[in-house]
């Protein structure tokens, strides 16, 4: 019972859908600590590699996700992308799996888009950095799974066709069996709960893209109100409670 969370839900006025939000995570101080203590998702601690969650490459959600990233990858220049020439020589940045899905290639034991420490163009995701340099959203440039993390969107449909959309933190189990082998995972580690604002504010762009502007506005207004007016003591995130 040490993984207790509080939730907020409401009916979508525009469709047959119920939205369910993990308030414990969204009110927490979680923040991405890539390059600032992130130990990565290998079987042992490896903060010096600065791979974050890029060690195994990214699976594309669908063809539209793959084609969108393809358009932006074409804009990357060699000085922005360490493995630009590798992708060109190997016929692209992605490989097709046996089931037909696409996944980013691995180069030197990590995603082909990950610039490594020492690269003159700067380390980190080449797509993310190039988006910033172009004054554009990294959400548009990166594979969907990459910009969504650590948010997880799960839809379930009942026997009457009503959809419940759950927005929660991404857990180890969401990676499948491999997630159990991670030495470290950021939503379980107190190290990552050091943000100066709650996650629903710092992750506003990602949430808006996931649920839409209207739904995000309803969520944010509710959380703004309850945190400013309510005397209720909200349940601390489990990772924080384990400090």
C-alpha atoms as a PDB file:
ATOM      1  CA  UNK A   1       0.000   0.000   0.000  1.00  0.00           C
ATOM      2  CA  UNK A   2       2.995   2.318  -0.340  1.00  0.00           C
ATOM      3  CA  UNK A   3       2.005   3.417  -3.873  1.00  0.00           C
ATOM      4  CA  UNK A   4      -1.129   5.358  -2.967  1.00  0.00           C
ATOM      5  CA  UNK A   5      -2.356   8.081  -5.347  1.00  0.00           C
ATOM      6  CA  UNK A   6      -5.252  10.544  -5.388  1.00  0.00           C
ATOM      7  CA  UNK A   7      -7.279  11.115  -8.560  1.00  0.00           C
ATOM      8  CA  UNK A   8      -9.514  13.724 -10.195  1.00  0.00           C
ATOM      9  CA  UNK A   9     -12.088  12.899 -12.854  1.00  0.00           C
ATOM     10  CA  UNK A  10     -14.761  14.641 -14.903  1.00  0.00           C
ATOM     11  CA  UNK A  11     -17.004  13.927 -17.865  1.00  0.00           C
ATOM     12  CA  UNK A  12     -15.984  15.355 -21.218  1.00  0.00           C
ATOM     13  CA  UNK A  13     -18.807  17.679 -22.378  1.00  0.00           C
ATOM     14  CA  UNK A  14     -18.022  17.043 -26.038  1.00  0.00           C
ATOM     15  CA  UNK A  15     -17.903  13.263 -26.246  1.00  0.00           C
ATOM     16  CA  UNK A  16     -18.665  10.005 -24.451  1.00  0.00           C
ATOM     17  CA  UNK A  17     -15.523  10.080 -22.370  1.00  0.00           C
ATOM     18  CA  UNK A  18     -14.454  10.323 -18.751  1.00  0.00           C
ATOM     19  CA  UNK A  19     -11.103  11.877 -17.960  1.00  0.00           C
ATOM     20  CA  UNK A  20      -9.204  10.514 -14.958  1.00  0.00           C
ATOM     21  CA  UNK A  21      -6.037  12.271 -13.774  1.00  0.00           C
ATOM     22  CA  UNK A  22      -3.332  11.163 -11.364  1.00  0.00           C
ATOM     23  CA  UNK A  23      -3.371  14.196  -9.084  1.00  0.00           C
ATOM     24  CA  UNK A  24      -0.653  12.844  -6.822  1.00  0.00           C
ATOM     25  CA  UNK A  25       1.802  12.911  -9.700  1.00  0.00           C
ATOM     26  CA  UNK A  26       0.536  16.116 -11.312  1.00  0.00           C
ATOM     27  CA  UNK A  27       0.786  18.034  -8.027  1.00  0.00           C
ATOM     28  CA  UNK A  28       4.234  16.627  -7.315  1.00  0.00           C
ATOM     29  CA  UNK A  29       7.528  18.425  -7.865  1.00  0.00           C
ATOM     30  CA  UNK A  30       8.721  15.918 -10.476  1.00  0.00           C
ATOM     31  CA  UNK A  31      11.046  17.355 -13.102  1.00  0.00           C
ATOM     32  CA  UNK A  32      13.338  15.835 -15.704  1.00  0.00           C
ATOM     33  CA  UNK A  33      16.886  15.689 -14.314  1.00  0.00           C
ATOM     34  CA  UNK A  34      18.611  14.561 -17.497  1.00  0.00           C
ATOM     35  CA  UNK A  35      22.250  15.569 -17.166  1.00  0.00           C
ATOM     36  CA  UNK A  36      21.736  16.524 -13.530  1.00  0.00           C
ATOM     37  CA  UNK A  37      21.721  13.215 -11.703  1.00  0.00           C
ATOM     38  CA  UNK A  38      19.638  10.986 -13.975  1.00  0.00           C
ATOM     39  CA  UNK A  39      21.089   7.481 -13.664  1.00  0.00           C
ATOM     40  CA  UNK A  40      19.559   6.182 -16.879  1.00  0.00           C
ATOM     41  CA  UNK A  41      17.608   3.008 -17.521  1.00  0.00           C
ATOM     42  CA  UNK A  42      20.396   0.457 -17.832  1.00  0.00           C
ATOM     43  CA  UNK A  43      20.856  -2.399 -15.369  1.00  0.00           C
ATOM     44  CA  UNK A  44      23.296  -0.330 -13.334  1.00  0.00           C
ATOM     45  CA  UNK A  45      23.850   3.354 -12.584  1.00  0.00           C
ATOM     46  CA  UNK A  46      25.369   5.242 -15.530  1.00  0.00           C
ATOM     47  CA  UNK A  47      24.912   9.005 -15.005  1.00  0.00           C
ATOM     48  CA  UNK A  48      28.188   9.714 -16.815  1.00  0.00           C
ATOM     49  CA  UNK A  49      26.697   8.417 -20.109  1.00  0.00           C
ATOM     50  CA  UNK A  50      23.890  10.985 -20.072  1.00  0.00           C
ATOM     51  CA  UNK A  51      21.628   8.577 -21.951  1.00  0.00           C
ATOM     52  CA  UNK A  52      18.554   9.170 -19.809  1.00  0.00           C
ATOM     53  CA  UNK A  53      15.767   7.010 -21.221  1.00  0.00           C
ATOM     54  CA  UNK A  54      17.328   6.942 -24.719  1.00  0.00           C
ATOM     55  CA  UNK A  55      19.318   3.735 -24.287  1.00  0.00           C
ATOM     56  CA  UNK A  56      16.943   1.451 -26.169  1.00  0.00           C
ATOM     57  CA  UNK A  57      15.648   3.695 -28.943  1.00  0.00           C
ATOM     58  CA  UNK A  58      12.095   4.869 -29.530  1.00  0.00           C
ATOM     59  CA  UNK A  59       9.160   2.895 -30.887  1.00  0.00           C
ATOM     60  CA  UNK A  60       6.867   4.967 -33.089  1.00  0.00           C
ATOM     61  CA  UNK A  61       3.201   4.941 -32.191  1.00  0.00           C
ATOM     62  CA  UNK A  62       2.056   4.578 -35.793  1.00  0.00           C
ATOM     63  CA  UNK A  63       2.963   5.479 -39.367  1.00  0.00           C
ATOM     64  CA  UNK A  64       1.893   9.092 -38.829  1.00  0.00           C
ATOM     65  CA  UNK A  65       4.310   9.411 -35.903  1.00  0.00           C
ATOM     66  CA  UNK A  66       7.134   7.917 -37.995  1.00  0.00           C
ATOM     67  CA  UNK A  67       6.423  10.099 -41.032  1.00  0.00           C
ATOM     68  CA  UNK A  68       6.241  13.258 -38.922  1.00  0.00           C
ATOM     69  CA  UNK A  69       9.658  12.622 -37.353  1.00  0.00           C
ATOM     70  CA  UNK A  70      11.036  11.798 -40.801  1.00  0.00           C
ATOM     71  CA  UNK A  71      10.098  15.287 -42.015  1.00  0.00           C
ATOM     72  CA  UNK A  72      11.919  16.965 -39.151  1.00  0.00           C
ATOM     73  CA  UNK A  73      14.941  14.631 -39.256  1.00  0.00           C
ATOM     74  CA  UNK A  74      15.564  15.822 -42.815  1.00  0.00           C
ATOM     75  CA  UNK A  75      16.183  19.291 -41.392  1.00  0.00           C
ATOM     76  CA  UNK A  76      18.993  18.128 -39.113  1.00  0.00           C
ATOM     77  CA  UNK A  77      22.465  19.181 -40.164  1.00  0.00           C
ATOM     78  CA  UNK A  78      25.668  17.202 -39.480  1.00  0.00           C
ATOM     79  CA  UNK A  79      26.799  19.820 -36.975  1.00  0.00           C
ATOM     80  CA  UNK A  80      23.553  19.268 -35.033  1.00  0.00           C
ATOM     81  CA  UNK A  81      23.398  15.498 -35.241  1.00  0.00           C
ATOM     82  CA  UNK A  82      26.393  13.369 -34.339  1.00  0.00           C
ATOM     83  CA  UNK A  83      25.203  10.348 -36.313  1.00  0.00           C
ATOM     84  CA  UNK A  84      23.888  12.170 -39.356  1.00  0.00           C
ATOM     85  CA  UNK A  85      26.275  10.329 -41.689  1.00  0.00           C
ATOM     86  CA  UNK A  86      25.590   6.994 -40.016  1.00  0.00           C
ATOM     87  CA  UNK A  87      21.881   7.355 -40.735  1.00  0.00           C
ATOM     88  CA  UNK A  88      22.638   8.235 -44.342  1.00  0.00           C
ATOM     89  CA  UNK A  89      24.925   5.234 -44.827  1.00  0.00           C
ATOM     90  CA  UNK A  90      22.523   2.792 -43.191  1.00  0.00           C
ATOM     91  CA  UNK A  91      19.485   3.930 -45.127  1.00  0.00           C
ATOM     92  CA  UNK A  92      17.735   5.998 -42.482  1.00  0.00           C
ATOM     93  CA  UNK A  93      17.353   6.601 -38.773  1.00  0.00           C
ATOM     94  CA  UNK A  94      14.812   3.804 -38.209  1.00  0.00           C
ATOM     95  CA  UNK A  95      14.461   0.085 -38.716  1.00  0.00           C
ATOM     96  CA  UNK A  96      11.250  -1.844 -39.273  1.00  0.00           C
ATOM     97  CA  UNK A  97      10.379  -4.568 -36.789  1.00  0.00           C
ATOM     98  CA  UNK A  98       9.025  -7.988 -37.721  1.00  0.00           C
ATOM     99  CA  UNK A  99       5.501  -6.835 -36.797  1.00  0.00           C
ATOM    100  CA  UNK A 100       5.796  -3.906 -39.216  1.00  0.00           C
ATOM    101  CA  UNK A 101       6.338  -1.214 -36.578  1.00  0.00           C
ATOM    102  CA  UNK A 102       9.187   1.270 -36.862  1.00  0.00           C
ATOM    103  CA  UNK A 103      11.838   1.947 -34.211  1.00  0.00           C
ATOM    104  CA  UNK A 104      14.837   4.271 -34.127  1.00  0.00           C
ATOM    105  CA  UNK A 105      18.172   2.620 -34.814  1.00  0.00           C
ATOM    106  CA  UNK A 106      20.685   1.996 -32.063  1.00  0.00           C
ATOM    107  CA  UNK A 107      24.205   3.290 -32.548  1.00  0.00           C
ATOM    108  CA  UNK A 108      26.860   2.547 -29.952  1.00  0.00           C
ATOM    109  CA  UNK A 109      24.268   1.192 -27.538  1.00  0.00           C
ATOM    110  CA  UNK A 110      21.787   4.081 -27.608  1.00  0.00           C
ATOM    111  CA  UNK A 111      19.309   5.886 -29.859  1.00  0.00           C
ATOM    112  CA  UNK A 112      20.762   7.202 -33.097  1.00  0.00           C
ATOM    113  CA  UNK A 113      19.396  10.682 -32.316  1.00  0.00           C
ATOM    114  CA  UNK A 114      21.299  10.912 -29.029  1.00  0.00           C
ATOM    115  CA  UNK A 115      24.387  13.097 -29.281  1.00  0.00           C
ATOM    116  CA  UNK A 116      26.967  11.780 -26.835  1.00  0.00           C
ATOM    117  CA  UNK A 117      29.167  13.646 -24.356  1.00  0.00           C
ATOM    118  CA  UNK A 118      31.948  15.467 -26.153  1.00  0.00           C
ATOM    119  CA  UNK A 119      30.056  16.118 -29.403  1.00  0.00           C
ATOM    120  CA  UNK A 120      30.815  19.672 -30.534  1.00  0.00           C
ATOM    121  CA  UNK A 121      27.198  20.327 -31.440  1.00  0.00           C
ATOM    122  CA  UNK A 122      26.115  19.557 -27.885  1.00  0.00           C
ATOM    123  CA  UNK A 123      24.988  16.376 -26.203  1.00  0.00           C
ATOM    124  CA  UNK A 124      21.407  15.210 -25.836  1.00  0.00           C
ATOM    125  CA  UNK A 125      18.599  14.543 -28.288  1.00  0.00           C
ATOM    126  CA  UNK A 126      19.475  16.075 -31.660  1.00  0.00           C
ATOM    127  CA  UNK A 127      15.802  16.554 -32.478  1.00  0.00           C
ATOM    128  CA  UNK A 128      15.100  18.316 -29.180  1.00  0.00           C
ATOM    129  CA  UNK A 129      18.069  20.649 -29.530  1.00  0.00           C
ATOM    130  CA  UNK A 130      17.362  21.471 -33.171  1.00  0.00           C
ATOM    131  CA  UNK A 131      13.757  22.318 -32.367  1.00  0.00           C
ATOM    132  CA  UNK A 132      14.928  24.787 -29.746  1.00  0.00           C
ATOM    133  CA  UNK A 133      17.469  26.307 -32.124  1.00  0.00           C
ATOM    134  CA  UNK A 134      14.718  26.768 -34.721  1.00  0.00           C
ATOM    135  CA  UNK A 135      12.395  28.358 -32.174  1.00  0.00           C
ATOM    136  CA  UNK A 136       9.930  25.497 -32.545  1.00  0.00           C
ATOM    137  CA  UNK A 137       8.314  22.970 -30.223  1.00  0.00           C
ATOM    138  CA  UNK A 138      10.290  19.823 -29.470  1.00  0.00           C
ATOM    139  CA  UNK A 139       6.899  18.091 -29.227  1.00  0.00           C
ATOM    140  CA  UNK A 140       6.555  18.430 -32.987  1.00  0.00           C
ATOM    141  CA  UNK A 141      10.030  17.101 -33.746  1.00  0.00           C
ATOM    142  CA  UNK A 142      10.393  14.077 -31.456  1.00  0.00           C
ATOM    143  CA  UNK A 143       8.746  10.630 -31.479  1.00  0.00           C
ATOM    144  CA  UNK A 144       5.533  10.718 -29.479  1.00  0.00           C
ATOM    145  CA  UNK A 145       6.759   8.386 -26.750  1.00  0.00           C
ATOM    146  CA  UNK A 146       9.786  10.621 -26.177  1.00  0.00           C
ATOM    147  CA  UNK A 147       7.949  13.878 -25.553  1.00  0.00           C
ATOM    148  CA  UNK A 148       5.129  12.250 -23.578  1.00  0.00           C
ATOM    149  CA  UNK A 149       7.369  10.768 -20.922  1.00  0.00           C
ATOM    150  CA  UNK A 150       6.756  10.679 -17.998  1.00  0.00           C
ATOM    151  CA  UNK A 151       3.050  11.043 -18.857  1.00  0.00           C
ATOM    152  CA  UNK A 152       1.098   7.916 -19.751  1.00  0.00           C
ATOM    153  CA  UNK A 153      -2.243   8.074 -21.602  1.00  0.00           C
ATOM    154  CA  UNK A 154      -4.348   4.906 -21.393  1.00  0.00           C
ATOM    155  CA  UNK A 155      -7.838   4.503 -22.905  1.00  0.00           C
ATOM    156  CA  UNK A 156     -10.282   1.799 -21.866  1.00  0.00           C
ATOM    157  CA  UNK A 157     -13.763   1.222 -23.318  1.00  0.00           C
ATOM    158  CA  UNK A 158     -16.627  -0.421 -21.444  1.00  0.00           C
ATOM    159  CA  UNK A 159     -19.346  -2.661 -22.870  1.00  0.00           C
ATOM    160  CA  UNK A 160     -21.447   0.380 -23.772  1.00  0.00           C
ATOM    161  CA  UNK A 161     -18.711   2.090 -25.731  1.00  0.00           C
ATOM    162  CA  UNK A 162     -17.917   4.708 -23.079  1.00  0.00           C
ATOM    163  CA  UNK A 163     -14.226   5.609 -22.985  1.00  0.00           C
ATOM    164  CA  UNK A 164     -12.249   6.305 -19.826  1.00  0.00           C
ATOM    165  CA  UNK A 165      -9.006   8.149 -20.535  1.00  0.00           C
ATOM    166  CA  UNK A 166      -6.483   7.856 -17.732  1.00  0.00           C
ATOM    167  CA  UNK A 167      -3.580  10.294 -17.505  1.00  0.00           C
ATOM    168  CA  UNK A 168      -0.987   9.097 -15.050  1.00  0.00           C
ATOM    169  CA  UNK A 169       2.736   8.766 -14.469  1.00  0.00           C
ATOM    170  CA  UNK A 170       4.686   6.326 -16.624  1.00  0.00           C
ATOM    171  CA  UNK A 171       5.618   3.332 -14.507  1.00  0.00           C
ATOM    172  CA  UNK A 172       8.187   0.583 -14.931  1.00  0.00           C
ATOM    173  CA  UNK A 173       5.458  -1.839 -15.996  1.00  0.00           C
ATOM    174  CA  UNK A 174       4.677   0.334 -19.011  1.00  0.00           C
ATOM    175  CA  UNK A 175       8.008  -0.738 -20.519  1.00  0.00           C
ATOM    176  CA  UNK A 176       7.061  -4.411 -20.318  1.00  0.00           C
ATOM    177  CA  UNK A 177       9.315  -6.998 -18.725  1.00  0.00           C
ATOM    178  CA  UNK A 178      12.386  -4.920 -19.517  1.00  0.00           C
ATOM    179  CA  UNK A 179      11.260  -2.197 -17.141  1.00  0.00           C
ATOM    180  CA  UNK A 180      11.818  -4.491 -14.181  1.00  0.00           C
ATOM    181  CA  UNK A 181      15.504  -4.654 -15.080  1.00  0.00           C
ATOM    182  CA  UNK A 182      16.062  -0.897 -14.873  1.00  0.00           C
ATOM    183  CA  UNK A 183      18.461   0.010 -12.110  1.00  0.00           C
ATOM    184  CA  UNK A 184      16.655   3.355 -11.743  1.00  0.00           C
ATOM    185  CA  UNK A 185      13.403   4.918 -12.902  1.00  0.00           C
ATOM    186  CA  UNK A 186      12.699   8.618 -12.472  1.00  0.00           C
ATOM    187  CA  UNK A 187       9.089   8.499 -11.240  1.00  0.00           C
ATOM    188  CA  UNK A 188      10.204   6.161  -8.454  1.00  0.00           C
ATOM    189  CA  UNK A 189      13.281   8.132  -7.417  1.00  0.00           C
ATOM    190  CA  UNK A 190      13.168  11.052  -4.983  1.00  0.00           C
ATOM    191  CA  UNK A 191      16.092  12.563  -6.926  1.00  0.00           C
ATOM    192  CA  UNK A 192      13.689  13.707  -9.669  1.00  0.00           C
ATOM    193  CA  UNK A 193      11.173  15.390  -7.350  1.00  0.00           C
ATOM    194  CA  UNK A 194      13.025  18.667  -7.050  1.00  0.00           C
ATOM    195  CA  UNK A 195      11.053  20.972  -9.355  1.00  0.00           C
ATOM    196  CA  UNK A 196      10.043  24.451  -8.254  1.00  0.00           C
ATOM    197  CA  UNK A 197       6.506  24.122  -9.647  1.00  0.00           C
ATOM    198  CA  UNK A 198       3.996  21.262  -9.743  1.00  0.00           C
ATOM    199  CA  UNK A 199       4.183  18.905 -12.706  1.00  0.00           C
ATOM    200  CA  UNK A 200       0.832  19.997 -14.162  1.00  0.00           C
ATOM    201  CA  UNK A 201       2.423  23.409 -14.786  1.00  0.00           C
ATOM    202  CA  UNK A 202       5.898  22.359 -15.912  1.00  0.00           C
ATOM    203  CA  UNK A 203       4.389  19.701 -18.198  1.00  0.00           C
ATOM    204  CA  UNK A 204       1.615  21.954 -19.487  1.00  0.00           C
ATOM    205  CA  UNK A 205       2.657  21.717 -23.152  1.00  0.00           C
ATOM    206  CA  UNK A 206       2.825  17.931 -23.035  1.00  0.00           C
ATOM    207  CA  UNK A 207      -0.525  17.701 -21.269  1.00  0.00           C
ATOM    208  CA  UNK A 208      -2.194  20.095 -23.705  1.00  0.00           C
ATOM    209  CA  UNK A 209      -0.940  18.046 -26.623  1.00  0.00           C
ATOM    210  CA  UNK A 210      -2.168  14.842 -24.999  1.00  0.00           C
ATOM    211  CA  UNK A 211      -5.647  15.862 -23.839  1.00  0.00           C
ATOM    212  CA  UNK A 212      -6.403  19.065 -25.750  1.00  0.00           C
ATOM    213  CA  UNK A 213      -6.576  22.696 -24.647  1.00  0.00           C
ATOM    214  CA  UNK A 214     -10.110  22.579 -23.261  1.00  0.00           C
ATOM    215  CA  UNK A 215      -9.552  19.526 -21.089  1.00  0.00           C
ATOM    216  CA  UNK A 216      -6.210  20.817 -19.848  1.00  0.00           C
ATOM    217  CA  UNK A 217      -7.802  24.145 -18.941  1.00  0.00           C
ATOM    218  CA  UNK A 218     -10.448  22.360 -16.865  1.00  0.00           C
ATOM    219  CA  UNK A 219      -7.762  20.303 -15.123  1.00  0.00           C
ATOM    220  CA  UNK A 220      -5.501  23.284 -14.432  1.00  0.00           C
ATOM    221  CA  UNK A 221      -8.342  25.469 -13.148  1.00  0.00           C
ATOM    222  CA  UNK A 222      -9.371  22.746 -10.731  1.00  0.00           C
ATOM    223  CA  UNK A 223      -5.843  22.171  -9.444  1.00  0.00           C
ATOM    224  CA  UNK A 224      -5.199  25.915  -9.197  1.00  0.00           C
ATOM    225  CA  UNK A 225      -8.332  26.316  -7.101  1.00  0.00           C
ATOM    226  CA  UNK A 226      -7.912  23.372  -4.778  1.00  0.00           C
ATOM    227  CA  UNK A 227      -4.284  24.154  -4.062  1.00  0.00           C
ATOM    228  CA  UNK A 228      -4.926  27.846  -3.375  1.00  0.00           C
ATOM    229  CA  UNK A 229      -8.169  27.587  -1.405  1.00  0.00           C
ATOM    230  CA  UNK A 230      -8.381  24.132   0.071  1.00  0.00           C
ATOM    231  CA  UNK A 231      -7.021  23.318   3.490  1.00  0.00           C
ATOM    232  CA  UNK A 232      -6.757  19.700   2.483  1.00  0.00           C
ATOM    233  CA  UNK A 233      -3.372  18.096   2.827  1.00  0.00           C
ATOM    234  CA  UNK A 234      -2.711  16.336  -0.473  1.00  0.00           C
ATOM    235  CA  UNK A 235      -1.090  12.949  -0.499  1.00  0.00           C
ATOM    236  CA  UNK A 236       2.667  13.276  -1.125  1.00  0.00           C
ATOM    237  CA  UNK A 237       4.055  11.295  -4.012  1.00  0.00           C
ATOM    238  CA  UNK A 238       5.298   7.823  -2.942  1.00  0.00           C
ATOM    239  CA  UNK A 239       8.838   8.625  -4.094  1.00  0.00           C
ATOM    240  CA  UNK A 240       8.877  11.663  -1.825  1.00  0.00           C
ATOM    241  CA  UNK A 241       7.413   9.728   1.084  1.00  0.00           C
ATOM    242  CA  UNK A 242      10.288   7.257   0.797  1.00  0.00           C
ATOM    243  CA  UNK A 243      12.942   9.929   1.292  1.00  0.00           C
END
